[in-house]
PDB file of all heavy atoms in Angstrom:
ATOM      1  N   ALA A   1      -4.979   8.582  -1.244  1.00  0.00           N
ATOM      2  CA  ALA A   1      -3.550   8.496  -1.189  1.00  0.00           C
ATOM      3  C   ALA A   1      -3.038   8.919   0.198  1.00  0.00           C
ATOM      4  O   ALA A   1      -3.656   9.768   0.866  1.00  0.00           O
ATOM      5  CB  ALA A   1      -2.831   9.361  -2.191  1.00  0.00           C
ATOM      6  N   ASP A   2      -1.924   8.305   0.669  1.00  0.00           N
ATOM      7  CA  ASP A   2      -1.334   8.739   1.911  1.00  0.00           C
ATOM      8  C   ASP A   2      -0.377   9.900   1.548  1.00  0.00           C
ATOM      9  O   ASP A   2      -0.215  10.351   0.503  1.00  0.00           O
ATOM     10  CB  ASP A   2      -0.700   7.581   2.748  1.00  0.00           C
ATOM     11  CG  ASP A   2       0.566   6.887   1.901  1.00  0.00           C
ATOM     12  OD1 ASP A   2       0.990   7.636   0.920  1.00  0.00           O
ATOM     13  OD2 ASP A   2       0.920   5.828   2.149  1.00  0.00           O
ATOM     14  N   ASP A   3       0.430  10.255   2.575  1.00  0.00           N
ATOM     15  CA  ASP A   3       1.333  11.463   2.359  1.00  0.00           C
ATOM     16  C   ASP A   3       2.434  11.219   1.437  1.00  0.00           C
ATOM     17  O   ASP A   3       2.978  12.215   0.884  1.00  0.00           O
ATOM     18  CB  ASP A   3       1.955  11.777   3.721  1.00  0.00           C
ATOM     19  CG  ASP A   3       0.917  12.468   4.780  1.00  0.00           C
ATOM     20  OD1 ASP A   3      -0.094  12.892   4.289  1.00  0.00           O
ATOM     21  OD2 ASP A   3       1.195  12.462   5.939  1.00  0.00           O
ATOM     22  N   ASP A   4       2.695   9.918   1.057  1.00  0.00           N
ATOM     23  CA  ASP A   4       3.779   9.545   0.093  1.00  0.00           C
ATOM     24  C   ASP A   4       3.196   9.195  -1.226  1.00  0.00           C
ATOM     25  O   ASP A   4       3.866   8.725  -2.040  1.00  0.00           O
ATOM     26  CB  ASP A   4       4.623   8.447   0.600  1.00  0.00           C
ATOM     27  CG  ASP A   4       5.382   8.837   1.840  1.00  0.00           C
ATOM     28  OD1 ASP A   4       6.022   9.950   1.735  1.00  0.00           O
ATOM     29  OD2 ASP A   4       5.360   8.148   2.813  1.00  0.00           O
ATOM     30  N   GLY A   5       1.891   9.423  -1.433  1.00  0.00           N
ATOM     31  CA  GLY A   5       1.232   9.008  -2.696  1.00  0.00           C
ATOM     32  C   GLY A   5       0.858   7.633  -2.866  1.00  0.00           C
ATOM     33  O   GLY A   5       0.459   7.234  -3.896  1.00  0.00           O
ATOM     34  N   ASN A   6       0.958   6.791  -1.830  1.00  0.00           N
ATOM     35  CA  ASN A   6       0.695   5.393  -1.850  1.00  0.00           C
ATOM     36  C   ASN A   6      -0.789   5.154  -1.727  1.00  0.00           C
ATOM     37  O   ASN A   6      -1.545   5.844  -0.796  1.00  0.00           O
ATOM     38  CB  ASN A   6       1.432   4.575  -0.743  1.00  0.00           C
ATOM     39  CG  ASN A   6       2.946   4.750  -1.010  1.00  0.00           C
ATOM     40  OD1 ASN A   6       3.339   4.435  -2.036  1.00  0.00           O
ATOM     41  ND2 ASN A   6       3.527   5.103   0.109  1.00  0.00           N
ATOM     42  N   ARG A   7      -1.454   4.212  -2.445  1.00  0.00           N
ATOM     43  CA  ARG A   7      -2.785   3.964  -2.314  1.00  0.00           C
ATOM     44  C   ARG A   7      -2.923   2.413  -2.232  1.00  0.00           C
ATOM     45  O   ARG A   7      -2.171   1.716  -2.673  1.00  0.00           O
ATOM     46  CB  ARG A   7      -3.495   4.464  -3.576  1.00  0.00           C
ATOM     47  CG  ARG A   7      -3.355   5.995  -3.932  1.00  0.00           C
ATOM     48  CD  ARG A   7      -3.842   6.263  -5.345  1.00  0.00           C
ATOM     49  NE  ARG A   7      -3.476   7.763  -5.703  1.00  0.00           N
ATOM     50  CZ  ARG A   7      -4.239   8.631  -5.502  1.00  0.00           C
ATOM     51  NH1 ARG A   7      -5.419   8.572  -5.091  1.00  0.00           N
ATOM     52  NH2 ARG A   7      -3.913   9.946  -6.002  1.00  0.00           N
ATOM     53  N   SER A   8      -4.143   1.969  -1.534  1.00  0.00           N
ATOM     54  CA  SER A   8      -4.232   0.552  -1.360  1.00  0.00           C
ATOM     55  C   SER A   8      -5.712   0.196  -1.426  1.00  0.00           C
ATOM     56  O   SER A   8      -6.602   1.045  -1.092  1.00  0.00           O
ATOM     57  CB  SER A   8      -3.561   0.063  -0.207  1.00  0.00           C
ATOM     58  OG  SER A   8      -4.143   0.655   1.009  1.00  0.00           O
ATOM     59  N   GLU A   9      -5.982  -1.142  -1.542  1.00  0.00           N
ATOM     60  CA  GLU A   9      -7.333  -1.698  -1.433  1.00  0.00           C
ATOM     61  C   GLU A   9      -7.067  -2.982  -0.738  1.00  0.00           C
ATOM     62  O   GLU A   9      -6.391  -3.955  -1.245  1.00  0.00           O
ATOM     63  CB  GLU A   9      -8.141  -1.874  -2.738  1.00  0.00           C
ATOM     64  CG  GLU A   9      -9.370  -2.456  -2.638  1.00  0.00           C
ATOM     65  CD  GLU A   9     -10.084  -2.565  -3.995  1.00  0.00           C
ATOM     66  OE1 GLU A   9      -9.390  -2.597  -5.060  1.00  0.00           O
ATOM     67  OE2 GLU A   9     -11.338  -2.696  -3.941  1.00  0.00           O
ATOM     68  N   GLY A  10      -7.439  -3.116   0.489  1.00  0.00           N
ATOM     69  CA  GLY A  10      -7.176  -4.314   1.327  1.00  0.00           C
ATOM     70  C   GLY A  10      -6.091  -3.994   2.454  1.00  0.00           C
ATOM     71  O   GLY A  10      -6.161  -2.889   2.942  1.00  0.00           O
ATOM     72  N   ASP A  11      -5.281  -4.905   2.706  1.00  0.00           N
ATOM     73  CA  ASP A  11      -4.336  -4.883   3.807  1.00  0.00           C
ATOM     74  C   ASP A  11      -2.856  -4.575   3.338  1.00  0.00           C
ATOM     75  O   ASP A  11      -2.262  -5.545   2.918  1.00  0.00           O
ATOM     76  CB  ASP A  11      -4.441  -6.059   4.607  1.00  0.00           C
ATOM     77  CG  ASP A  11      -3.736  -5.906   5.984  1.00  0.00           C
ATOM     78  OD1 ASP A  11      -3.238  -4.783   6.279  1.00  0.00           O
ATOM     79  OD2 ASP A  11      -3.672  -6.859   6.802  1.00  0.00           O
ATOM     80  N   ALA A  12      -2.475  -3.322   3.279  1.00  0.00           N
ATOM     81  CA  ALA A  12      -1.105  -2.966   2.658  1.00  0.00           C
ATOM     82  C   ALA A  12      -0.327  -2.252   3.717  1.00  0.00           C
ATOM     83  O   ALA A  12      -0.948  -1.341   4.517  1.00  0.00           O
ATOM     84  CB  ALA A  12      -1.285  -2.188   1.428  1.00  0.00           C
ATOM     85  N   TRP A  13       0.983  -2.466   3.804  1.00  0.00           N
ATOM     86  CA  TRP A  13       1.844  -1.742   4.613  1.00  0.00           C
ATOM     87  C   TRP A  13       3.026  -1.089   3.872  1.00  0.00           C
ATOM     88  O   TRP A  13       3.716  -1.904   3.140  1.00  0.00           O
ATOM     89  CB  TRP A  13       2.410  -2.626   5.718  1.00  0.00           C
ATOM     90  CG  TRP A  13       3.266  -2.028   6.779  1.00  0.00           C
ATOM     91  CD1 TRP A  13       4.531  -1.532   6.663  1.00  0.00           C
ATOM     92  CD2 TRP A  13       2.746  -1.543   8.121  1.00  0.00           C
ATOM     93  NE1 TRP A  13       4.998  -1.027   7.740  1.00  0.00           N
ATOM     94  CE2 TRP A  13       3.943  -0.917   8.703  1.00  0.00           C
ATOM     95  CE3 TRP A  13       1.603  -1.714   8.751  1.00  0.00           C
ATOM     96  CZ2 TRP A  13       3.831  -0.416  10.059  1.00  0.00           C
ATOM     97  CZ3 TRP A  13       1.621  -1.168   9.970  1.00  0.00           C
ATOM     98  CH2 TRP A  13       2.720  -0.542  10.652  1.00  0.00           C
ATOM     99  N   PHE A  14       3.188   0.141   3.767  1.00  0.00           N
ATOM    100  CA  PHE A  14       4.133   0.804   2.893  1.00  0.00           C
ATOM    101  C   PHE A  14       5.233   1.314   3.830  1.00  0.00           C
ATOM    102  O   PHE A  14       4.990   1.880   4.919  1.00  0.00           O
ATOM    103  CB  PHE A  14       3.502   1.953   2.118  1.00  0.00           C
ATOM    104  CG  PHE A  14       2.456   1.619   1.131  1.00  0.00           C
ATOM    105  CD1 PHE A  14       1.143   1.757   1.475  1.00  0.00           C
ATOM    106  CD2 PHE A  14       2.826   1.102  -0.145  1.00  0.00           C
ATOM    107  CE1 PHE A  14       0.151   1.353   0.609  1.00  0.00           C
ATOM    108  CE2 PHE A  14       1.820   0.776  -0.894  1.00  0.00           C
ATOM    109  CZ  PHE A  14       0.529   0.914  -0.592  1.00  0.00           C
ATOM    110  N   SER A  15       6.548   0.971   3.409  1.00  0.00           N
ATOM    111  CA  SER A  15       7.649   1.521   4.103  1.00  0.00           C
ATOM    112  C   SER A  15       8.636   2.023   3.097  1.00  0.00           C
ATOM    113  O   SER A  15       9.115   1.348   2.156  1.00  0.00           O
ATOM    114  CB  SER A  15       8.315   0.377   4.941  1.00  0.00           C
ATOM    115  OG  SER A  15       9.488   0.808   5.714  1.00  0.00           O
ATOM    116  N   SER A  16       9.077   3.336   3.309  1.00  0.00           N
ATOM    117  CA  SER A  16      10.053   3.970   2.424  1.00  0.00           C
ATOM    118  C   SER A  16       9.720   3.774   0.921  1.00  0.00           C
ATOM    119  O   SER A  16      10.490   3.441  -0.021  1.00  0.00           O
ATOM    120  CB  SER A  16      11.505   3.326   2.562  1.00  0.00           C
ATOM    121  OG  SER A  16      11.917   3.544   3.979  1.00  0.00           O
ATOM    122  N   SER A  17       8.327   3.919   0.741  1.00  0.00           N
ATOM    123  CA  SER A  17       7.821   3.716  -0.691  1.00  0.00           C
ATOM    124  C   SER A  17       6.894   4.909  -1.100  1.00  0.00           C
ATOM    125  O   SER A  17       6.495   5.628  -0.177  1.00  0.00           O
ATOM    126  CB  SER A  17       7.007   2.514  -0.778  1.00  0.00           C
ATOM    127  OG  SER A  17       7.807   1.284  -0.465  1.00  0.00           O
ATOM    128  N   GLU A  18       6.941   5.176  -2.365  1.00  0.00           N
ATOM    129  CA  GLU A  18       6.259   6.302  -2.890  1.00  0.00           C
ATOM    130  C   GLU A  18       5.404   6.026  -4.201  1.00  0.00           C
ATOM    131  O   GLU A  18       5.920   5.126  -5.037  1.00  0.00           O
ATOM    132  CB  GLU A  18       7.205   7.407  -3.226  1.00  0.00           C
ATOM    133  CG  GLU A  18       8.127   8.014  -2.246  1.00  0.00           C
ATOM    134  CD  GLU A  18       8.979   9.083  -2.694  1.00  0.00           C
ATOM    135  OE1 GLU A  18       8.792   9.544  -3.831  1.00  0.00           O
ATOM    136  OE2 GLU A  18       9.992   9.502  -1.898  1.00  0.00           O
ATOM    137  N   ASN A  19       4.301   6.516  -4.216  1.00  0.00           N
ATOM    138  CA  ASN A  19       3.361   6.450  -5.421  1.00  0.00           C
ATOM    139  C   ASN A  19       3.067   5.083  -5.878  1.00  0.00           C
ATOM    140  O   ASN A  19       3.126   4.694  -7.098  1.00  0.00           O
ATOM    141  CB  ASN A  19       4.004   7.256  -6.579  1.00  0.00           C
ATOM    142  CG  ASN A  19       4.086   8.655  -6.283  1.00  0.00           C
ATOM    143  OD1 ASN A  19       3.292   9.320  -5.681  1.00  0.00           O
ATOM    144  ND2 ASN A  19       5.299   9.314  -6.702  1.00  0.00           N
ATOM    145  N   CYS A  20       2.924   4.102  -4.933  1.00  0.00           N
ATOM    146  CA  CYS A  20       2.666   2.745  -5.153  1.00  0.00           C
ATOM    147  C   CYS A  20       1.176   2.554  -5.026  1.00  0.00           C
ATOM    148  O   CYS A  20       0.514   3.161  -4.175  1.00  0.00           O
ATOM    149  CB  CYS A  20       3.447   1.724  -4.307  1.00  0.00           C
ATOM    150  SG  CYS A  20       5.224   1.889  -4.542  1.00  0.00           S
ATOM    151  N   PHE A  21       0.655   1.436  -5.677  1.00  0.00           N
ATOM    152  CA  PHE A  21      -0.721   0.935  -5.395  1.00  0.00           C
ATOM    153  C   PHE A  21      -0.784  -0.556  -5.149  1.00  0.00           C
ATOM    154  O   PHE A  21      -0.004  -1.348  -5.816  1.00  0.00           O
ATOM    155  CB  PHE A  21      -1.581   1.160  -6.689  1.00  0.00           C
ATOM    156  CG  PHE A  21      -2.954   0.552  -6.555  1.00  0.00           C
ATOM    157  CD1 PHE A  21      -3.896   1.083  -5.666  1.00  0.00           C
ATOM    158  CD2 PHE A  21      -3.349  -0.507  -7.244  1.00  0.00           C
ATOM    159  CE1 PHE A  21      -5.194   0.535  -5.454  1.00  0.00           C
ATOM    160  CE2 PHE A  21      -4.679  -1.117  -7.213  1.00  0.00           C
ATOM    161  CZ  PHE A  21      -5.573  -0.605  -6.303  1.00  0.00           C
ATOM    162  N   VAL A  22      -1.395  -0.985  -4.140  1.00  0.00           N
ATOM    163  CA  VAL A  22      -1.582  -2.457  -3.688  1.00  0.00           C
ATOM    164  C   VAL A  22      -3.025  -2.771  -3.697  1.00  0.00           C
ATOM    165  O   VAL A  22      -3.816  -2.227  -2.947  1.00  0.00           O
ATOM    166  CB  VAL A  22      -0.771  -2.646  -2.453  1.00  0.00           C
ATOM    167  CG1 VAL A  22      -1.146  -4.131  -1.908  1.00  0.00           C
ATOM    168  CG2 VAL A  22       0.654  -2.459  -2.537  1.00  0.00           C
ATOM    169  N   HIS A  23      -3.382  -3.914  -4.386  1.00  0.00           N
ATOM    170  CA  HIS A  23      -4.689  -4.569  -4.203  1.00  0.00           C
ATOM    171  C   HIS A  23      -4.432  -5.907  -3.472  1.00  0.00           C
ATOM    172  O   HIS A  23      -3.741  -6.805  -4.092  1.00  0.00           O
ATOM    173  CB  HIS A  23      -5.406  -4.612  -5.483  1.00  0.00           C
ATOM    174  CG  HIS A  23      -6.571  -5.788  -5.441  1.00  0.00           C
ATOM    175  ND1 HIS A  23      -7.837  -5.124  -5.270  1.00  0.00           N
ATOM    176  CD2 HIS A  23      -6.694  -7.077  -5.560  1.00  0.00           C
ATOM    177  CE1 HIS A  23      -8.671  -6.281  -5.118  1.00  0.00           C
ATOM    178  NE2 HIS A  23      -8.092  -7.258  -5.413  1.00  0.00           N
ATOM    179  N   SER A  24      -4.677  -6.007  -2.299  1.00  0.00           N
ATOM    180  CA  SER A  24      -4.455  -7.157  -1.446  1.00  0.00           C
ATOM    181  C   SER A  24      -5.484  -7.469  -0.392  1.00  0.00           C
ATOM    182  O   SER A  24      -5.333  -7.153   0.794  1.00  0.00           O
ATOM    183  CB  SER A  24      -3.128  -7.162  -0.798  1.00  0.00           C
ATOM    184  OG  SER A  24      -2.747  -8.361  -0.124  1.00  0.00           O
ATOM    185  N   PRO A  25      -6.661  -7.928  -0.955  1.00  0.00           N
ATOM    186  CA  PRO A  25      -7.803  -8.050   0.079  1.00  0.00           C
ATOM    187  C   PRO A  25      -7.814  -9.215   1.012  1.00  0.00           C
ATOM    188  O   PRO A  25      -8.344  -9.227   2.026  1.00  0.00           O
ATOM    189  CB  PRO A  25      -9.085  -8.275  -0.855  1.00  0.00           C
ATOM    190  CG  PRO A  25      -8.448  -8.934  -2.088  1.00  0.00           C
ATOM    191  CD  PRO A  25      -7.104  -8.295  -2.245  1.00  0.00           C
ATOM    192  N   ASP A  26      -6.876 -10.225   0.735  1.00  0.00           N
ATOM    193  CA  ASP A  26      -6.816 -11.438   1.609  1.00  0.00           C
ATOM    194  C   ASP A  26      -5.682 -11.600   2.458  1.00  0.00           C
ATOM    195  O   ASP A  26      -5.570 -12.547   3.316  1.00  0.00           O
ATOM    196  CB  ASP A  26      -6.993 -12.672   0.603  1.00  0.00           C
ATOM    197  CG  ASP A  26      -8.237 -12.690  -0.205  1.00  0.00           C
ATOM    198  OD1 ASP A  26      -9.330 -12.339   0.372  1.00  0.00           O
ATOM    199  OD2 ASP A  26      -8.225 -12.964  -1.527  1.00  0.00           O
ATOM    200  N   LYS A  27      -4.757 -10.801   2.294  1.00  0.00           N
ATOM    201  CA  LYS A  27      -3.390 -11.116   3.119  1.00  0.00           C
ATOM    202  C   LYS A  27      -2.658  -9.661   3.236  1.00  0.00           C
ATOM    203  O   LYS A  27      -2.939  -8.728   2.418  1.00  0.00           O
ATOM    204  CB  LYS A  27      -2.510 -12.127   2.585  1.00  0.00           C
ATOM    205  CG  LYS A  27      -1.892 -11.792   1.163  1.00  0.00           C
ATOM    206  CD  LYS A  27      -0.882 -12.833   0.761  1.00  0.00           C
ATOM    207  CE  LYS A  27      -1.567 -14.114   0.382  1.00  0.00           C
ATOM    208  NZ  LYS A  27      -2.188 -14.017  -0.923  1.00  0.00           N
ATOM    209  N   LEU A  28      -1.841  -9.598   4.223  1.00  0.00           N
ATOM    210  CA  LEU A  28      -1.022  -8.390   4.385  1.00  0.00           C
ATOM    211  C   LEU A  28       0.044  -8.322   3.291  1.00  0.00           C
ATOM    212  O   LEU A  28       0.742  -9.293   2.967  1.00  0.00           O
ATOM    213  CB  LEU A  28      -0.298  -8.434   5.759  1.00  0.00           C
ATOM    214  CG  LEU A  28       0.782  -7.377   5.979  1.00  0.00           C
ATOM    215  CD1 LEU A  28       0.116  -5.935   5.959  1.00  0.00           C
ATOM    216  CD2 LEU A  28       1.495  -7.506   7.310  1.00  0.00           C
ATOM    217  N   ALA A  29       0.118  -7.077   2.590  1.00  0.00           N
ATOM    218  CA  ALA A  29       1.203  -6.920   1.551  1.00  0.00           C
ATOM    219  C   ALA A  29       2.106  -5.925   2.100  1.00  0.00           C
ATOM    220  O   ALA A  29       1.595  -4.716   2.299  1.00  0.00           O
ATOM    221  CB  ALA A  29       0.530  -6.582   0.250  1.00  0.00           C
ATOM    222  N   VAL A  30       3.414  -6.096   2.143  1.00  0.00           N
ATOM    223  CA  VAL A  30       4.319  -5.064   2.668  1.00  0.00           C
ATOM    224  C   VAL A  30       5.080  -4.619   1.335  1.00  0.00           C
ATOM    225  O   VAL A  30       5.759  -5.521   0.609  1.00  0.00           O
ATOM    226  CB  VAL A  30       5.278  -5.752   3.695  1.00  0.00           C
ATOM    227  CG1 VAL A  30       6.348  -4.690   4.119  1.00  0.00           C
ATOM    228  CG2 VAL A  30       4.498  -6.140   4.937  1.00  0.00           C
ATOM    229  N   VAL A  31       5.115  -3.430   1.204  1.00  0.00           N
ATOM    230  CA  VAL A  31       5.982  -2.839   0.130  1.00  0.00           C
ATOM    231  C   VAL A  31       7.018  -1.955   0.725  1.00  0.00           C
ATOM    232  O   VAL A  31       6.841  -0.988   1.399  1.00  0.00           O
ATOM    233  CB  VAL A  31       5.059  -1.952  -0.836  1.00  0.00           C
ATOM    234  CG1 VAL A  31       5.926  -1.445  -1.895  1.00  0.00           C
ATOM    235  CG2 VAL A  31       3.894  -2.816  -1.356  1.00  0.00           C
TER     236      VAL A  31
END
């Protein structure tokens, strides 16, 4: 997890988000 509790597998970009999970191996996912 990052400092905001976000976790990812693949290419993810978190902005002003908390405790999220993203699985995006093929494209950039912005939350």
